[in-house]
């Protein structure tokens, strides 16, 4: 399964739960995650979507570390079976 297909499934599952998985573009600040999850009750997280088995690049890992240090949830998604768990984790915060 390609990254784009996993992203589409994430978007659909977030919508089913009343949320959004918005494409995130940050000009001039490379390495930021692909999606921002915006869920009911003000729950939010960043999601880096990868093709199965692929890992984030070093710059992406550095950005994830920065975001976590700021108190944000950050997930790496490389398999559609992880989507439910990620959404559950965000909604339970």
PDB file of N, CA and C in Angstrom:
ATOM      1  N   UNK A   1       0.846  -1.179   0.000  1.00  0.00           N
ATOM      2  CA  UNK A   1       0.000   0.000   0.000  1.00  0.00           C
ATOM      3  C   UNK A   1       0.891   1.242   0.000  1.00  0.00           C
ATOM      4  N   UNK A   2       0.524   2.195  -0.792  1.00  0.00           N
ATOM      5  CA  UNK A   2       1.311   3.416  -0.912  1.00  0.00           C
ATOM      6  C   UNK A   2       0.944   4.424   0.170  1.00  0.00           C
ATOM      7  N   UNK A   3       1.872   5.343   0.397  1.00  0.00           N
ATOM      8  CA  UNK A   3       1.670   6.392   1.401  1.00  0.00           C
ATOM      9  C   UNK A   3       0.367   7.152   1.164  1.00  0.00           C
ATOM     10  N   UNK A   4       0.105   7.478  -0.084  1.00  0.00           N
ATOM     11  CA  UNK A   4      -1.100   8.246  -0.418  1.00  0.00           C
ATOM     12  C   UNK A   4      -2.377   7.495  -0.015  1.00  0.00           C
ATOM     13  N   UNK A   5      -2.384   6.175  -0.195  1.00  0.00           N
ATOM     14  CA  UNK A   5      -3.551   5.366   0.171  1.00  0.00           C
ATOM     15  C   UNK A   5      -3.742   5.327   1.685  1.00  0.00           C
ATOM     16  N   UNK A   6      -2.644   5.232   2.423  1.00  0.00           N
ATOM     17  CA  UNK A   6      -2.723   5.239   3.886  1.00  0.00           C
ATOM     18  C   UNK A   6      -3.245   6.592   4.363  1.00  0.00           C
ATOM     19  N   UNK A   7      -2.762   7.669   3.746  1.00  0.00           N
ATOM     20  CA  UNK A   7      -3.229   9.020   4.088  1.00  0.00           C
ATOM     21  C   UNK A   7      -4.733   9.154   3.858  1.00  0.00           C
ATOM     22  N   UNK A   8      -5.208   8.620   2.747  1.00  0.00           N
ATOM     23  CA  UNK A   8      -6.638   8.700   2.434  1.00  0.00           C
ATOM     24  C   UNK A   8      -7.461   7.953   3.481  1.00  0.00           C
ATOM     25  N   UNK A   9      -6.996   6.773   3.891  1.00  0.00           N
ATOM     26  CA  UNK A   9      -7.712   6.000   4.909  1.00  0.00           C
ATOM     27  C   UNK A   9      -7.720   6.734   6.250  1.00  0.00           C
ATOM     28  N   UNK A  10      -6.606   7.377   6.603  1.00  0.00           N
ATOM     29  CA  UNK A  10      -6.555   8.164   7.835  1.00  0.00           C
ATOM     30  C   UNK A  10      -7.591   9.281   7.783  1.00  0.00           C
ATOM     31  N   UNK A  11      -7.654   9.975   6.661  1.00  0.00           N
ATOM     32  CA  UNK A  11      -8.603  11.076   6.492  1.00  0.00           C
ATOM     33  C   UNK A  11     -10.044  10.593   6.642  1.00  0.00           C
ATOM     34  N   UNK A  12     -10.357   9.460   6.026  1.00  0.00           N
ATOM     35  CA  UNK A  12     -11.715   8.912   6.107  1.00  0.00           C
ATOM     36  C   UNK A  12     -12.070   8.469   7.519  1.00  0.00           C
ATOM     37  N   UNK A  13     -11.145   7.811   8.207  1.00  0.00           N
ATOM     38  CA  UNK A  13     -11.411   7.336   9.569  1.00  0.00           C
ATOM     39  C   UNK A  13     -11.564   8.502  10.545  1.00  0.00           C
ATOM     40  N   UNK A  14     -10.749   9.534  10.384  1.00  0.00           N
ATOM     41  CA  UNK A  14     -10.887  10.717  11.239  1.00  0.00           C
ATOM     42  C   UNK A  14     -12.257  11.356  11.025  1.00  0.00           C
ATOM     43  N   UNK A  15     -12.685  11.439   9.782  1.00  0.00           N
ATOM     44  CA  UNK A  15     -13.991  12.023   9.460  1.00  0.00           C
ATOM     45  C   UNK A  15     -15.122  11.212  10.084  1.00  0.00           C
ATOM     46  N   UNK A  16     -15.014   9.872  10.049  1.00  0.00           N
ATOM     47  CA  UNK A  16     -16.035   9.012  10.658  1.00  0.00           C
ATOM     48  C   UNK A  16     -16.187   9.290  12.151  1.00  0.00           C
ATOM     49  N   UNK A  17     -15.100   9.724  12.775  1.00  0.00           N
ATOM     50  CA  UNK A  17     -15.118  10.008  14.212  1.00  0.00           C
ATOM     51  C   UNK A  17     -15.396  11.479  14.504  1.00  0.00           C
ATOM     52  N   UNK A  18     -15.784  12.220  13.480  1.00  0.00           N
ATOM     53  CA  UNK A  18     -16.131  13.622  13.664  1.00  0.00           C
ATOM     54  C   UNK A  18     -14.957  14.577  13.615  1.00  0.00           C
ATOM     55  N   UNK A  19     -13.820  14.102  13.109  1.00  0.00           N
ATOM     56  CA  UNK A  19     -12.621  14.933  13.072  1.00  0.00           C
ATOM     57  C   UNK A  19     -12.129  15.207  11.669  1.00  0.00           C
ATOM     58  N   UNK A  20     -10.949  15.791  11.604  1.00  0.00           N
ATOM     59  CA  UNK A  20     -10.301  16.119  10.339  1.00  0.00           C
ATOM     60  C   UNK A  20      -8.848  15.664  10.394  1.00  0.00           C
ATOM     61  N   UNK A  21      -8.326  15.234   9.260  1.00  0.00           N
ATOM     62  CA  UNK A  21      -6.895  14.949   9.111  1.00  0.00           C
ATOM     63  C   UNK A  21      -6.409  15.855   7.988  1.00  0.00           C
ATOM     64  N   UNK A  22      -6.030  17.048   8.355  1.00  0.00           N
ATOM     65  CA  UNK A  22      -5.716  18.114   7.409  1.00  0.00           C
ATOM     66  C   UNK A  22      -4.270  17.999   6.924  1.00  0.00           C
ATOM     67  N   UNK A  23      -4.083  18.137   5.616  1.00  0.00           N
ATOM     68  CA  UNK A  23      -2.737  18.158   5.040  1.00  0.00           C
ATOM     69  C   UNK A  23      -2.000  19.370   5.598  1.00  0.00           C
ATOM     70  N   UNK A  24      -0.779  19.147   6.059  1.00  0.00           N
ATOM     71  CA  UNK A  24       0.001  20.213   6.676  1.00  0.00           C
ATOM     72  C   UNK A  24       1.202  20.539   5.804  1.00  0.00           C
ATOM     73  N   UNK A  25       1.280  21.788   5.368  1.00  0.00           N
ATOM     74  CA  UNK A  25       2.398  22.255   4.558  1.00  0.00           C
ATOM     75  C   UNK A  25       3.019  23.433   5.299  1.00  0.00           C
ATOM     76  N   UNK A  26       4.332  23.384   5.467  1.00  0.00           N
ATOM     77  CA  UNK A  26       5.021  24.423   6.221  1.00  0.00           C
ATOM     78  C   UNK A  26       6.186  24.978   5.397  1.00  0.00           C
ATOM     79  N   UNK A  27       5.907  25.918   4.500  1.00  0.00           N
ATOM     80  CA  UNK A  27       6.975  26.482   3.671  1.00  0.00           C
ATOM     81  C   UNK A  27       8.086  27.088   4.530  1.00  0.00           C
ATOM     82  N   UNK A  28       9.314  26.769   4.189  1.00  0.00           N
ATOM     83  CA  UNK A  28      10.447  27.321   4.907  1.00  0.00           C
ATOM     84  C   UNK A  28      10.809  26.591   6.188  1.00  0.00           C
ATOM     85  N   UNK A  29      10.076  25.540   6.523  1.00  0.00           N
ATOM     86  CA  UNK A  29      10.357  24.769   7.738  1.00  0.00           C
ATOM     87  C   UNK A  29      10.170  23.296   7.405  1.00  0.00           C
ATOM     88  N   UNK A  30      11.131  22.752   6.683  1.00  0.00           N
ATOM     89  CA  UNK A  30      11.060  21.371   6.198  1.00  0.00           C
ATOM     90  C   UNK A  30      11.030  20.357   7.338  1.00  0.00           C
ATOM     91  N   UNK A  31      10.529  19.176   7.011  1.00  0.00           N
ATOM     92  CA  UNK A  31      10.549  18.061   7.950  1.00  0.00           C
ATOM     93  C   UNK A  31       9.344  17.953   8.854  1.00  0.00           C
ATOM     94  N   UNK A  32       8.376  18.837   8.684  1.00  0.00           N
ATOM     95  CA  UNK A  32       7.184  18.771   9.533  1.00  0.00           C
ATOM     96  C   UNK A  32       6.297  17.604   9.097  1.00  0.00           C
ATOM     97  N   UNK A  33       5.491  17.060  10.028  1.00  0.00           N
ATOM     98  CA  UNK A  33       4.616  15.930   9.693  1.00  0.00           C
ATOM     99  C   UNK A  33       3.624  16.267   8.579  1.00  0.00           C
ATOM    100  N   UNK A  34       3.124  15.199   7.934  1.00  0.00           N
ATOM    101  CA  UNK A  34       2.235  15.345   6.776  1.00  0.00           C
ATOM    102  C   UNK A  34       0.838  15.840   7.118  1.00  0.00           C
ATOM    103  N   UNK A  35       0.317  15.406   8.264  1.00  0.00           N
ATOM    104  CA  UNK A  35      -1.078  15.695   8.611  1.00  0.00           C
ATOM    105  C   UNK A  35      -1.197  16.222  10.035  1.00  0.00           C
ATOM    106  N   UNK A  36      -2.202  17.068  10.237  1.00  0.00           N
ATOM    107  CA  UNK A  36      -2.605  17.479  11.582  1.00  0.00           C
ATOM    108  C   UNK A  36      -3.965  16.848  11.828  1.00  0.00           C
ATOM    109  N   UNK A  37      -4.068  16.092  12.899  1.00  0.00           N
ATOM    110  CA  UNK A  37      -5.349  15.507  13.294  1.00  0.00           C
ATOM    111  C   UNK A  37      -6.065  16.495  14.203  1.00  0.00           C
ATOM    112  N   UNK A  38      -7.259  16.872  13.837  1.00  0.00           N
ATOM    113  CA  UNK A  38      -8.100  17.755  14.636  1.00  0.00           C
ATOM    114  C   UNK A  38      -9.352  16.967  14.983  1.00  0.00           C
ATOM    115  N   UNK A  39      -9.486  16.617  16.258  1.00  0.00           N
ATOM    116  CA  UNK A  39     -10.572  15.746  16.687  1.00  0.00           C
ATOM    117  C   UNK A  39     -11.514  16.498  17.622  1.00  0.00           C
ATOM    118  N   UNK A  40     -12.735  15.959  17.821  1.00  0.00           N
ATOM    119  CA  UNK A  40     -13.685  16.607  18.728  1.00  0.00           C
ATOM    120  C   UNK A  40     -13.074  16.866  20.108  1.00  0.00           C
ATOM    121  N   UNK A  41     -13.614  17.875  20.772  1.00  0.00           N
ATOM    122  CA  UNK A  41     -13.196  18.293  22.111  1.00  0.00           C
ATOM    123  C   UNK A  41     -11.791  18.891  22.121  1.00  0.00           C
ATOM    124  N   UNK A  42     -11.360  19.432  20.986  1.00  0.00           N
ATOM    125  CA  UNK A  42     -10.083  20.119  20.917  1.00  0.00           C
ATOM    126  C   UNK A  42      -8.856  19.231  20.945  1.00  0.00           C
ATOM    127  N   UNK A  43      -9.018  17.960  20.634  1.00  0.00           N
ATOM    128  CA  UNK A  43      -7.889  17.026  20.618  1.00  0.00           C
ATOM    129  C   UNK A  43      -7.118  17.197  19.312  1.00  0.00           C
ATOM    130  N   UNK A  44      -5.784  17.197  19.418  1.00  0.00           N
ATOM    131  CA  UNK A  44      -4.959  17.459  18.244  1.00  0.00           C
ATOM    132  C   UNK A  44      -3.680  16.645  18.286  1.00  0.00           C
ATOM    133  N   UNK A  45      -3.183  16.255  17.122  1.00  0.00           N
ATOM    134  CA  UNK A  45      -1.904  15.548  17.022  1.00  0.00           C
ATOM    135  C   UNK A  45      -1.355  15.727  15.612  1.00  0.00           C
ATOM    136  N   UNK A  46      -0.075  15.453  15.473  1.00  0.00           N
ATOM    137  CA  UNK A  46       0.586  15.452  14.172  1.00  0.00           C
ATOM    138  C   UNK A  46       0.819  14.008  13.747  1.00  0.00           C
ATOM    139  N   UNK A  47       0.674  13.738  12.446  1.00  0.00           N
ATOM    140  CA  UNK A  47       0.895  12.389  11.924  1.00  0.00           C
ATOM    141  C   UNK A  47       1.820  12.455  10.713  1.00  0.00           C
ATOM    142  N   UNK A  48       2.915  11.723  10.797  1.00  0.00           N
ATOM    143  CA  UNK A  48       3.835  11.528   9.673  1.00  0.00           C
ATOM    144  C   UNK A  48       3.417  10.236   8.988  1.00  0.00           C
ATOM    145  N   UNK A  49       3.015  10.305   7.742  1.00  0.00           N
ATOM    146  CA  UNK A  49       2.565   9.124   7.006  1.00  0.00           C
ATOM    147  C   UNK A  49       3.700   8.637   6.113  1.00  0.00           C
ATOM    148  N   UNK A  50       3.967   7.339   6.193  1.00  0.00           N
ATOM    149  CA  UNK A  50       5.035   6.718   5.421  1.00  0.00           C
ATOM    150  C   UNK A  50       4.504   5.493   4.689  1.00  0.00           C
ATOM    151  N   UNK A  51       5.174   5.114   3.619  1.00  0.00           N
ATOM    152  CA  UNK A  51       4.885   3.839   2.966  1.00  0.00           C
ATOM    153  C   UNK A  51       5.269   2.727   3.933  1.00  0.00           C
ATOM    154  N   UNK A  52       4.626   1.563   3.819  1.00  0.00           N
ATOM    155  CA  UNK A  52       4.924   0.464   4.739  1.00  0.00           C
ATOM    156  C   UNK A  52       6.425   0.170   4.838  1.00  0.00           C
ATOM    157  N   UNK A  53       6.898   0.101   6.072  1.00  0.00           N
ATOM    158  CA  UNK A  53       8.291  -0.225   6.326  1.00  0.00           C
ATOM    159  C   UNK A  53       9.265   0.932   6.222  1.00  0.00           C
ATOM    160  N   UNK A  54       8.797   2.071   5.739  1.00  0.00           N
ATOM    161  CA  UNK A  54       9.678   3.238   5.607  1.00  0.00           C
ATOM    162  C   UNK A  54       9.738   3.982   6.940  1.00  0.00           C
ATOM    163  N   UNK A  55      10.875   4.590   7.218  1.00  0.00           N
ATOM    164  CA  UNK A  55      11.083   5.327   8.459  1.00  0.00           C
ATOM    165  C   UNK A  55      11.271   6.815   8.150  1.00  0.00           C
ATOM    166  N   UNK A  56      11.004   7.678   9.125  1.00  0.00           N
ATOM    167  CA  UNK A  56      11.226   9.109   8.921  1.00  0.00           C
ATOM    168  C   UNK A  56      12.705   9.427   8.687  1.00  0.00           C
ATOM    169  N   UNK A  57      12.941  10.471   7.913  1.00  0.00           N
ATOM    170  CA  UNK A  57      14.297  10.959   7.670  1.00  0.00           C
ATOM    171  C   UNK A  57      14.819  11.648   8.940  1.00  0.00           C
ATOM    172  N   UNK A  58      16.132  11.812   9.056  1.00  0.00           N
ATOM    173  CA  UNK A  58      16.696  12.458  10.255  1.00  0.00           C
ATOM    174  C   UNK A  58      16.081  13.828  10.565  1.00  0.00           C
ATOM    175  N   UNK A  59      15.850  14.657   9.548  1.00  0.00           N
ATOM    176  CA  UNK A  59      15.236  15.961   9.800  1.00  0.00           C
ATOM    177  C   UNK A  59      13.818  15.798  10.341  1.00  0.00           C
ATOM    178  N   UNK A  60      13.070  14.835   9.808  1.00  0.00           N
ATOM    179  CA  UNK A  60      11.717  14.589  10.304  1.00  0.00           C
ATOM    180  C   UNK A  60      11.750  14.143  11.766  1.00  0.00           C
ATOM    181  N   UNK A  61      12.690  13.279  12.102  1.00  0.00           N
ATOM    182  CA  UNK A  61      12.827  12.826  13.491  1.00  0.00           C
ATOM    183  C   UNK A  61      13.133  14.011  14.408  1.00  0.00           C
ATOM    184  N   UNK A  62      13.978  14.920  13.944  1.00  0.00           N
ATOM    185  CA  UNK A  62      14.295  16.118  14.729  1.00  0.00           C
ATOM    186  C   UNK A  62      13.047  16.980  14.937  1.00  0.00           C
ATOM    187  N   UNK A  63      12.235  17.126  13.901  1.00  0.00           N
ATOM    188  CA  UNK A  63      10.993  17.918  14.030  1.00  0.00           C
ATOM    189  C   UNK A  63      10.018  17.233  14.993  1.00  0.00           C
ATOM    190  N   UNK A  64       9.924  15.906  14.922  1.00  0.00           N
ATOM    191  CA  UNK A  64       9.045  15.169  15.838  1.00  0.00           C
ATOM    192  C   UNK A  64       9.485  15.408  17.280  1.00  0.00           C
ATOM    193  N   UNK A  65      10.792  15.358  17.507  1.00  0.00           N
ATOM    194  CA  UNK A  65      11.336  15.583  18.851  1.00  0.00           C
ATOM    195  C   UNK A  65      10.992  16.994  19.336  1.00  0.00           C
ATOM    196  N   UNK A  66      11.124  17.980  18.456  1.00  0.00           N
ATOM    197  CA  UNK A  66      10.790  19.360  18.800  1.00  0.00           C
ATOM    198  C   UNK A  66       9.312  19.490  19.168  1.00  0.00           C
ATOM    199  N   UNK A  67       8.445  18.927  18.343  1.00  0.00           N
ATOM    200  CA  UNK A  67       7.005  19.009  18.603  1.00  0.00           C
ATOM    201  C   UNK A  67       6.637  18.320  19.913  1.00  0.00           C
ATOM    202  N   UNK A  68       7.237  17.163  20.174  1.00  0.00           N
ATOM    203  CA  UNK A  68       6.968  16.457  21.438  1.00  0.00           C
ATOM    204  C   UNK A  68       7.453  17.280  22.632  1.00  0.00           C
ATOM    205  N   UNK A  69       8.604  17.939  22.485  1.00  0.00           N
ATOM    206  CA  UNK A  69       9.123  18.786  23.561  1.00  0.00           C
ATOM    207  C   UNK A  69       8.179  19.955  23.851  1.00  0.00           C
ATOM    208  N   UNK A  70       7.435  20.373  22.841  1.00  0.00           N
ATOM    209  CA  UNK A  70       6.443  21.436  23.007  1.00  0.00           C
ATOM    210  C   UNK A  70       5.121  20.909  23.559  1.00  0.00           C
ATOM    211  N   UNK A  71       5.034  19.590  23.754  1.00  0.00           N
ATOM    212  CA  UNK A  71       3.842  18.996  24.355  1.00  0.00           C
ATOM    213  C   UNK A  71       2.838  18.412  23.386  1.00  0.00           C
ATOM    214  N   UNK A  72       3.177  18.333  22.111  1.00  0.00           N
ATOM    215  CA  UNK A  72       2.252  17.795  21.119  1.00  0.00           C
ATOM    216  C   UNK A  72       2.439  16.294  20.942  1.00  0.00           C
ATOM    217  N   UNK A  73       1.360  15.614  20.600  1.00  0.00           N
ATOM    218  CA  UNK A  73       1.432  14.207  20.224  1.00  0.00           C
ATOM    219  C   UNK A  73       1.899  14.124  18.775  1.00  0.00           C
ATOM    220  N   UNK A  74       2.813  13.201  18.498  1.00  0.00           N
ATOM    221  CA  UNK A  74       3.315  12.982  17.143  1.00  0.00           C
ATOM    222  C   UNK A  74       3.351  11.481  16.896  1.00  0.00           C
ATOM    223  N   UNK A  75       2.787  11.054  15.769  1.00  0.00           N
ATOM    224  CA  UNK A  75       2.739   9.642  15.409  1.00  0.00           C
ATOM    225  C   UNK A  75       3.356   9.433  14.034  1.00  0.00           C
ATOM    226  N   UNK A  76       3.953   8.261  13.849  1.00  0.00           N
ATOM    227  CA  UNK A  76       4.419   7.831  12.534  1.00  0.00           C
ATOM    228  C   UNK A  76       3.516   6.682  12.117  1.00  0.00           C
ATOM    229  N   UNK A  77       2.861   6.830  10.985  1.00  0.00           N
ATOM    230  CA  UNK A  77       1.886   5.865  10.480  1.00  0.00           C
ATOM    231  C   UNK A  77       2.420   5.241   9.198  1.00  0.00           C
ATOM    232  N   UNK A  78       2.648   3.918   9.216  1.00  0.00           N
ATOM    233  CA  UNK A  78       3.117   3.251   7.994  1.00  0.00           C
ATOM    234  C   UNK A  78       2.307   2.005   7.656  1.00  0.00           C
ATOM    235  N   UNK A  79       1.183   1.827   8.363  1.00  0.00           N
ATOM    236  CA  UNK A  79       0.314   0.682   8.097  1.00  0.00           C
ATOM    237  C   UNK A  79      -1.109   1.064   8.483  1.00  0.00           C
ATOM    238  N   UNK A  80      -2.054   0.769   7.615  1.00  0.00           N
ATOM    239  CA  UNK A  80      -3.435   1.177   7.892  1.00  0.00           C
ATOM    240  C   UNK A  80      -3.979   0.575   9.180  1.00  0.00           C
ATOM    241  N   UNK A  81      -3.415  -0.545   9.637  1.00  0.00           N
ATOM    242  CA  UNK A  81      -3.884  -1.172  10.876  1.00  0.00           C
ATOM    243  C   UNK A  81      -3.574  -0.317  12.108  1.00  0.00           C
ATOM    244  N   UNK A  82      -2.709   0.677  11.972  1.00  0.00           N
ATOM    245  CA  UNK A  82      -2.355   1.566  13.083  1.00  0.00           C
ATOM    246  C   UNK A  82      -3.341   2.728  13.247  1.00  0.00           C
ATOM    247  N   UNK A  83      -4.173   2.952  12.265  1.00  0.00           N
ATOM    248  CA  UNK A  83      -5.031   4.144  12.262  1.00  0.00           C
ATOM    249  C   UNK A  83      -5.956   4.188  13.469  1.00  0.00           C
ATOM    250  N   UNK A  84      -6.651   3.106  13.747  1.00  0.00           N
ATOM    251  CA  UNK A  84      -7.574   3.085  14.883  1.00  0.00           C
ATOM    252  C   UNK A  84      -6.875   3.377  16.195  1.00  0.00           C
ATOM    253  N   UNK A  85      -5.712   2.795  16.398  1.00  0.00           N
ATOM    254  CA  UNK A  85      -4.955   3.022  17.626  1.00  0.00           C
ATOM    255  C   UNK A  85      -4.500   4.463  17.771  1.00  0.00           C
ATOM    256  N   UNK A  86      -4.085   5.059  16.671  1.00  0.00           N
ATOM    257  CA  UNK A  86      -3.668   6.465  16.708  1.00  0.00           C
ATOM    258  C   UNK A  86      -4.855   7.353  17.060  1.00  0.00           C
ATOM    259  N   UNK A  87      -5.979   7.131  16.407  1.00  0.00           N
ATOM    260  CA  UNK A  87      -7.164   7.943  16.695  1.00  0.00           C
ATOM    261  C   UNK A  87      -7.625   7.743  18.131  1.00  0.00           C
ATOM    262  N   UNK A  88      -7.590   6.502  18.615  1.00  0.00           N
ATOM    263  CA  UNK A  88      -7.949   6.229  20.016  1.00  0.00           C
ATOM    264  C   UNK A  88      -7.031   6.989  20.966  1.00  0.00           C
ATOM    265  N   UNK A  89      -5.725   6.958  20.684  1.00  0.00           N
ATOM    266  CA  UNK A  89      -4.753   7.633  21.549  1.00  0.00           C
ATOM    267  C   UNK A  89      -5.000   9.140  21.594  1.00  0.00           C
ATOM    268  N   UNK A  90      -5.301   9.723  20.447  1.00  0.00           N
ATOM    269  CA  UNK A  90      -5.555  11.165  20.401  1.00  0.00           C
ATOM    270  C   UNK A  90      -6.830  11.498  21.165  1.00  0.00           C
ATOM    271  N   UNK A  91      -7.863  10.716  20.962  1.00  0.00           N
ATOM    272  CA  UNK A  91      -9.144  11.009  21.598  1.00  0.00           C
ATOM    273  C   UNK A  91      -9.133  10.748  23.099  1.00  0.00           C
ATOM    274  N   UNK A  92      -8.206   9.943  23.584  1.00  0.00           N
ATOM    275  CA  UNK A  92      -8.169   9.629  25.014  1.00  0.00           C
ATOM    276  C   UNK A  92      -7.285  10.591  25.808  1.00  0.00           C
ATOM    277  N   UNK A  93      -6.680  11.575  25.135  1.00  0.00           N
ATOM    278  CA  UNK A  93      -5.816  12.524  25.858  1.00  0.00           C
ATOM    279  C   UNK A  93      -6.633  13.601  26.525  1.00  0.00           C
TER     280      UNK A  93
END
